[in-house]
Amino acid sequence: MELGAEAKLLRIFLGEADKVRHTSLYEVIVREARKLGLAGATVWRGIMGFGGASRIRTARILDLSTDLPIIIEIVDREERIDRFLPVLHDLFEEARSGGLMTLENVKIIKYLHGNEKE
């Protein structure tokens, strides 16, 4: 992506315990984003949160949850994000899980490709 380019930030909120075909939903989402050639994806693990069911999930040792909040962030051009949305819809349907997706306008101020270390 070009510097100064307008792009979209797709933010996906879900639970750590959400699965698709015995694999974590967040992992499947990141792998699908990579397959479709999106610019990149980052998964964040929350230490505390609640969603639509209002059940608090926390990483505190006394009430440690195995279903912590997960946030996935993907930044790319609008048309590429738009092509990915039906894939996300199908994955959430298959997982039969709740979640939230938001889309924001962002401006790219620096984007560099690193050397592949894989």
N, C-alpha and C. Protein backbone atom coordinates (compact mmCIF):
# COMPACT_ATOMS: atom_id res chain seq x y z
N MET A 1 0.83 -1.18 0.00
CA MET A 1 0.00 0.00 0.00
C MET A 1 0.88 1.24 0.00
N GLU A 2 0.36 2.27 -0.56
CA GLU A 2 1.12 3.50 -0.70
C GLU A 2 1.00 4.36 0.55
N LEU A 3 2.06 5.10 0.86
CA LEU A 3 2.01 6.02 1.97
C LEU A 3 0.97 7.09 1.70
N GLY A 4 0.26 7.47 2.73
CA GLY A 4 -0.78 8.47 2.58
C GLY A 4 -2.07 7.94 1.99
N ALA A 5 -2.09 6.67 1.64
CA ALA A 5 -3.28 6.08 1.04
C ALA A 5 -4.38 5.92 2.07
N GLU A 6 -5.60 6.09 1.61
CA GLU A 6 -6.76 5.82 2.46
C GLU A 6 -6.99 4.31 2.45
N ALA A 7 -7.30 3.76 3.61
CA ALA A 7 -7.53 2.33 3.73
C ALA A 7 -8.63 2.10 4.75
N LYS A 8 -8.93 0.84 5.00
CA LYS A 8 -9.94 0.47 5.98
C LYS A 8 -9.30 -0.41 7.05
N LEU A 9 -9.75 -0.21 8.28
CA LEU A 9 -9.36 -1.05 9.40
C LEU A 9 -10.58 -1.88 9.77
N LEU A 10 -10.46 -3.19 9.57
CA LEU A 10 -11.49 -4.14 9.96
C LEU A 10 -11.11 -4.68 11.33
N ARG A 11 -11.99 -4.50 12.30
CA ARG A 11 -11.73 -4.98 13.66
C ARG A 11 -12.81 -6.01 13.98
N ILE A 12 -12.36 -7.20 14.39
CA ILE A 12 -13.26 -8.32 14.65
C ILE A 12 -13.12 -8.72 16.11
N PHE A 13 -14.23 -8.73 16.83
CA PHE A 13 -14.26 -9.11 18.24
C PHE A 13 -14.91 -10.49 18.35
N LEU A 14 -14.28 -11.40 19.04
CA LEU A 14 -14.83 -12.73 19.24
C LEU A 14 -14.27 -13.33 20.51
N GLY A 15 -14.64 -14.56 20.81
CA GLY A 15 -14.16 -15.24 22.00
C GLY A 15 -13.07 -16.24 21.67
N GLU A 16 -12.16 -16.40 22.60
CA GLU A 16 -11.04 -17.33 22.41
C GLU A 16 -11.51 -18.77 22.21
N ALA A 17 -12.65 -19.13 22.79
CA ALA A 17 -13.14 -20.50 22.71
C ALA A 17 -13.91 -20.79 21.41
N ASP A 18 -14.18 -19.78 20.59
CA ASP A 18 -14.91 -19.99 19.34
C ASP A 18 -14.08 -20.84 18.39
N LYS A 19 -14.72 -21.86 17.82
CA LYS A 19 -14.00 -22.84 16.97
C LYS A 19 -14.71 -23.02 15.64
N VAL A 20 -13.91 -23.39 14.63
CA VAL A 20 -14.39 -23.85 13.33
C VAL A 20 -13.63 -25.12 13.02
N ARG A 21 -14.35 -26.20 12.83
CA ARG A 21 -13.70 -27.50 12.52
C ARG A 21 -12.56 -27.79 13.51
N HIS A 22 -12.78 -27.67 14.79
CA HIS A 22 -11.82 -27.96 15.86
C HIS A 22 -10.60 -27.05 15.87
N THR A 23 -10.67 -25.94 15.16
CA THR A 23 -9.57 -24.97 15.14
C THR A 23 -10.12 -23.63 15.63
N SER A 24 -9.31 -22.89 16.35
CA SER A 24 -9.74 -21.58 16.85
C SER A 24 -10.20 -20.70 15.70
N LEU A 25 -11.34 -20.06 15.88
CA LEU A 25 -11.90 -19.19 14.85
C LEU A 25 -10.91 -18.09 14.48
N TYR A 26 -10.21 -17.52 15.46
CA TYR A 26 -9.26 -16.45 15.14
C TYR A 26 -8.14 -16.95 14.23
N GLU A 27 -7.70 -18.18 14.44
CA GLU A 27 -6.65 -18.74 13.58
C GLU A 27 -7.15 -18.97 12.16
N VAL A 28 -8.36 -19.47 12.05
CA VAL A 28 -8.95 -19.70 10.72
C VAL A 28 -9.12 -18.37 9.98
N ILE A 29 -9.56 -17.33 10.69
CA ILE A 29 -9.74 -16.01 10.07
C ILE A 29 -8.40 -15.48 9.54
N VAL A 30 -7.35 -15.56 10.35
CA VAL A 30 -6.04 -15.06 9.92
C VAL A 30 -5.54 -15.84 8.71
N ARG A 31 -5.68 -17.16 8.73
CA ARG A 31 -5.22 -17.97 7.59
C ARG A 31 -6.01 -17.66 6.32
N GLU A 32 -7.32 -17.44 6.46
CA GLU A 32 -8.14 -17.08 5.29
C GLU A 32 -7.74 -15.70 4.76
N ALA A 33 -7.46 -14.76 5.65
CA ALA A 33 -7.02 -13.43 5.23
C ALA A 33 -5.71 -13.53 4.45
N ARG A 34 -4.82 -14.37 4.92
CA ARG A 34 -3.53 -14.56 4.22
C ARG A 34 -3.73 -15.20 2.85
N LYS A 35 -4.63 -16.21 2.80
CA LYS A 35 -4.91 -16.86 1.52
C LYS A 35 -5.45 -15.89 0.48
N LEU A 36 -6.25 -14.92 0.95
CA LEU A 36 -6.83 -13.94 0.03
C LEU A 36 -5.89 -12.77 -0.25
N GLY A 37 -4.69 -12.81 0.32
CA GLY A 37 -3.69 -11.80 0.00
C GLY A 37 -3.87 -10.46 0.69
N LEU A 38 -4.59 -10.44 1.81
CA LEU A 38 -4.74 -9.18 2.54
C LEU A 38 -3.39 -8.74 3.09
N ALA A 39 -3.25 -7.46 3.34
CA ALA A 39 -1.95 -6.88 3.71
C ALA A 39 -1.38 -7.46 5.00
N GLY A 40 -2.23 -7.82 5.95
CA GLY A 40 -1.75 -8.38 7.21
C GLY A 40 -2.87 -8.45 8.22
N ALA A 41 -2.65 -9.22 9.26
CA ALA A 41 -3.63 -9.37 10.33
C ALA A 41 -2.90 -9.51 11.65
N THR A 42 -3.47 -8.94 12.69
CA THR A 42 -2.91 -9.06 14.04
C THR A 42 -4.01 -9.52 14.98
N VAL A 43 -3.68 -10.49 15.84
CA VAL A 43 -4.62 -10.99 16.83
C VAL A 43 -4.19 -10.48 18.20
N TRP A 44 -5.14 -9.88 18.90
CA TRP A 44 -4.91 -9.37 20.25
C TRP A 44 -5.74 -10.19 21.22
N ARG A 45 -5.14 -10.54 22.35
CA ARG A 45 -5.85 -11.28 23.39
C ARG A 45 -6.13 -10.31 24.54
N GLY A 46 -7.40 -10.16 24.87
CA GLY A 46 -7.79 -9.25 25.93
C GLY A 46 -7.60 -9.87 27.31
N ILE A 47 -7.40 -9.03 28.30
CA ILE A 47 -7.26 -9.55 29.66
C ILE A 47 -8.58 -9.49 30.42
N MET A 48 -9.54 -8.73 29.88
CA MET A 48 -10.85 -8.66 30.50
C MET A 48 -11.84 -8.05 29.52
N GLY A 49 -13.07 -8.52 29.58
CA GLY A 49 -14.08 -7.94 28.72
C GLY A 49 -15.42 -8.64 28.87
N PHE A 50 -16.42 -8.09 28.19
CA PHE A 50 -17.72 -8.75 28.11
C PHE A 50 -18.35 -8.39 26.79
N GLY A 51 -19.27 -9.23 26.36
CA GLY A 51 -19.93 -9.02 25.08
C GLY A 51 -21.43 -8.95 25.24
N GLY A 52 -22.13 -9.39 24.19
CA GLY A 52 -23.58 -9.29 24.16
C GLY A 52 -24.28 -10.01 25.30
N ALA A 53 -23.69 -11.10 25.79
CA ALA A 53 -24.29 -11.87 26.87
C ALA A 53 -24.01 -11.24 28.24
N SER A 54 -23.20 -10.20 28.27
CA SER A 54 -22.82 -9.48 29.50
C SER A 54 -22.08 -10.34 30.52
N ARG A 55 -21.51 -11.46 30.09
CA ARG A 55 -20.72 -12.30 30.98
C ARG A 55 -19.28 -11.80 30.97
N ILE A 56 -18.74 -11.46 32.15
CA ILE A 56 -17.38 -10.94 32.22
C ILE A 56 -16.39 -12.10 32.11
N ARG A 57 -15.41 -11.90 31.24
CA ARG A 57 -14.33 -12.86 31.06
C ARG A 57 -13.05 -12.15 31.49
N THR A 58 -12.23 -12.84 32.26
CA THR A 58 -11.04 -12.19 32.79
C THR A 58 -9.87 -13.16 32.88
N ALA A 59 -8.67 -12.59 32.88
CA ALA A 59 -7.45 -13.38 33.01
C ALA A 59 -6.96 -13.40 34.45
N ARG A 60 -7.73 -12.81 35.39
CA ARG A 60 -7.32 -12.84 36.80
C ARG A 60 -7.24 -14.28 37.27
N ILE A 61 -6.26 -14.58 38.07
CA ILE A 61 -5.98 -15.96 38.46
C ILE A 61 -7.13 -16.61 39.24
N LEU A 62 -7.87 -15.83 40.05
CA LEU A 62 -8.94 -16.42 40.85
C LEU A 62 -10.16 -16.82 40.04
N ASP A 63 -10.39 -16.17 38.92
CA ASP A 63 -11.53 -16.53 38.09
C ASP A 63 -11.10 -16.61 36.62
N LEU A 64 -10.02 -17.31 36.38
CA LEU A 64 -9.42 -17.42 35.05
C LEU A 64 -10.41 -18.00 34.05
N SER A 65 -10.62 -17.30 32.98
CA SER A 65 -11.52 -17.73 31.92
C SER A 65 -10.73 -18.44 30.83
N THR A 66 -11.35 -19.45 30.24
CA THR A 66 -10.75 -20.10 29.08
C THR A 66 -11.34 -19.52 27.80
N ASP A 67 -12.09 -18.44 27.94
CA ASP A 67 -12.73 -17.80 26.80
C ASP A 67 -12.50 -16.30 26.86
N LEU A 68 -11.23 -15.91 26.82
CA LEU A 68 -10.88 -14.49 26.87
C LEU A 68 -11.29 -13.78 25.58
N PRO A 69 -11.46 -12.46 25.66
CA PRO A 69 -11.79 -11.71 24.45
C PRO A 69 -10.62 -11.72 23.46
N ILE A 70 -10.94 -11.82 22.19
CA ILE A 70 -9.96 -11.79 21.10
C ILE A 70 -10.37 -10.68 20.15
N ILE A 71 -9.38 -9.90 19.70
CA ILE A 71 -9.62 -8.88 18.68
C ILE A 71 -8.65 -9.14 17.54
N ILE A 72 -9.17 -9.16 16.33
CA ILE A 72 -8.34 -9.29 15.13
C ILE A 72 -8.44 -7.96 14.39
N GLU A 73 -7.29 -7.42 14.00
CA GLU A 73 -7.26 -6.20 13.21
C GLU A 73 -6.62 -6.47 11.86
N ILE A 74 -7.29 -6.01 10.82
CA ILE A 74 -6.81 -6.16 9.45
C ILE A 74 -6.93 -4.81 8.76
N VAL A 75 -5.85 -4.34 8.16
CA VAL A 75 -5.86 -3.08 7.42
C VAL A 75 -5.54 -3.37 5.96
N ASP A 76 -6.37 -2.87 5.07
CA ASP A 76 -6.12 -3.03 3.64
C ASP A 76 -7.03 -2.06 2.89
N ARG A 77 -6.91 -2.07 1.57
CA ARG A 77 -7.77 -1.23 0.74
C ARG A 77 -9.23 -1.69 0.87
N GLU A 78 -10.13 -0.74 0.71
CA GLU A 78 -11.56 -1.01 0.91
C GLU A 78 -12.07 -2.19 0.07
N GLU A 79 -11.69 -2.24 -1.20
CA GLU A 79 -12.20 -3.30 -2.07
C GLU A 79 -11.72 -4.69 -1.62
N ARG A 80 -10.52 -4.76 -1.07
CA ARG A 80 -10.00 -6.05 -0.59
C ARG A 80 -10.70 -6.48 0.69
N ILE A 81 -10.95 -5.52 1.58
CA ILE A 81 -11.71 -5.82 2.81
C ILE A 81 -13.13 -6.26 2.43
N ASP A 82 -13.75 -5.55 1.48
CA ASP A 82 -15.11 -5.90 1.06
C ASP A 82 -15.19 -7.32 0.51
N ARG A 83 -14.16 -7.78 -0.18
CA ARG A 83 -14.14 -9.16 -0.70
C ARG A 83 -14.00 -10.19 0.43
N PHE A 84 -13.42 -9.76 1.56
CA PHE A 84 -13.20 -10.66 2.67
C PHE A 84 -14.44 -10.81 3.56
N LEU A 85 -15.32 -9.82 3.57
CA LEU A 85 -16.48 -9.84 4.46
C LEU A 85 -17.39 -11.06 4.28
N PRO A 86 -17.70 -11.51 3.05
CA PRO A 86 -18.52 -12.73 2.93
C PRO A 86 -17.82 -13.96 3.51
N VAL A 87 -16.50 -14.02 3.42
CA VAL A 87 -15.75 -15.14 4.01
C VAL A 87 -15.95 -15.13 5.52
N LEU A 88 -15.84 -13.94 6.13
CA LEU A 88 -16.05 -13.81 7.57
C LEU A 88 -17.46 -14.23 7.96
N HIS A 89 -18.42 -13.77 7.19
CA HIS A 89 -19.81 -14.13 7.47
C HIS A 89 -19.97 -15.65 7.49
N ASP A 90 -19.43 -16.33 6.50
CA ASP A 90 -19.53 -17.79 6.44
C ASP A 90 -18.82 -18.47 7.60
N LEU A 91 -17.66 -17.94 8.01
CA LEU A 91 -16.92 -18.53 9.13
C LEU A 91 -17.70 -18.38 10.44
N PHE A 92 -18.30 -17.22 10.67
CA PHE A 92 -19.09 -17.03 11.88
C PHE A 92 -20.33 -17.92 11.87
N GLU A 93 -20.93 -18.10 10.70
CA GLU A 93 -22.08 -19.01 10.59
C GLU A 93 -21.66 -20.44 10.92
N GLU A 94 -20.53 -20.86 10.37
CA GLU A 94 -20.04 -22.22 10.62
C GLU A 94 -19.68 -22.42 12.09
N ALA A 95 -19.08 -21.41 12.70
CA ALA A 95 -18.68 -21.51 14.11
C ALA A 95 -19.90 -21.41 15.04
N ARG A 96 -20.99 -20.87 14.53
CA ARG A 96 -22.19 -20.62 15.33
C ARG A 96 -21.86 -19.85 16.60
N SER A 97 -21.07 -18.82 16.41
CA SER A 97 -20.65 -18.00 17.56
C SER A 97 -21.07 -16.56 17.34
N GLY A 98 -21.09 -15.82 18.42
CA GLY A 98 -21.37 -14.40 18.34
C GLY A 98 -20.09 -13.64 18.04
N GLY A 99 -20.23 -12.39 17.82
CA GLY A 99 -19.06 -11.56 17.56
C GLY A 99 -19.51 -10.18 17.10
N LEU A 100 -18.53 -9.34 16.86
CA LEU A 100 -18.79 -7.99 16.39
C LEU A 100 -17.70 -7.62 15.40
N MET A 101 -18.09 -6.96 14.32
CA MET A 101 -17.12 -6.46 13.34
C MET A 101 -17.35 -4.98 13.15
N THR A 102 -16.27 -4.21 13.12
CA THR A 102 -16.36 -2.79 12.86
C THR A 102 -15.42 -2.44 11.70
N LEU A 103 -15.71 -1.36 11.03
CA LEU A 103 -14.91 -0.92 9.90
C LEU A 103 -14.66 0.58 10.05
N GLU A 104 -13.39 0.98 10.00
CA GLU A 104 -13.02 2.39 10.16
C GLU A 104 -12.17 2.85 8.99
N ASN A 105 -12.22 4.13 8.71
CA ASN A 105 -11.31 4.74 7.75
C ASN A 105 -9.97 4.98 8.44
N VAL A 106 -8.88 4.65 7.77
CA VAL A 106 -7.54 4.93 8.29
C VAL A 106 -6.69 5.48 7.17
N LYS A 107 -5.61 6.14 7.54
CA LYS A 107 -4.66 6.67 6.57
C LYS A 107 -3.32 6.00 6.83
N ILE A 108 -2.73 5.40 5.80
CA ILE A 108 -1.45 4.71 5.92
C ILE A 108 -0.34 5.76 6.02
N ILE A 109 0.44 5.73 7.09
CA ILE A 109 1.54 6.68 7.23
C ILE A 109 2.89 6.00 7.06
N LYS A 110 2.92 4.67 7.24
CA LYS A 110 4.15 3.93 6.97
C LYS A 110 3.78 2.48 6.76
N TYR A 111 4.31 1.89 5.70
CA TYR A 111 4.05 0.47 5.41
C TYR A 111 5.28 -0.07 4.70
N LEU A 112 6.00 -0.93 5.34
CA LEU A 112 7.19 -1.51 4.77
C LEU A 112 7.13 -3.03 4.81
N HIS A 113 7.57 -3.66 3.77
CA HIS A 113 7.66 -5.12 3.76
C HIS A 113 8.96 -5.51 4.43
N GLY A 114 8.88 -6.41 5.40
CA GLY A 114 10.09 -6.94 6.04
C GLY A 114 10.61 -8.13 5.28
N ASN A 115 11.78 -8.60 5.64
CA ASN A 115 12.33 -9.82 5.04
C ASN A 115 11.61 -11.02 5.61
N GLU A 116 11.25 -11.96 4.74
CA GLU A 116 10.61 -13.18 5.19
C GLU A 116 11.60 -14.02 5.96
N LYS A 117 11.20 -14.49 7.16
CA LYS A 117 12.07 -15.29 7.98
C LYS A 117 11.57 -16.72 8.11
N GLU A 118 10.51 -17.05 7.39
CA GLU A 118 9.94 -18.40 7.47
C GLU A 118 10.72 -19.36 6.64
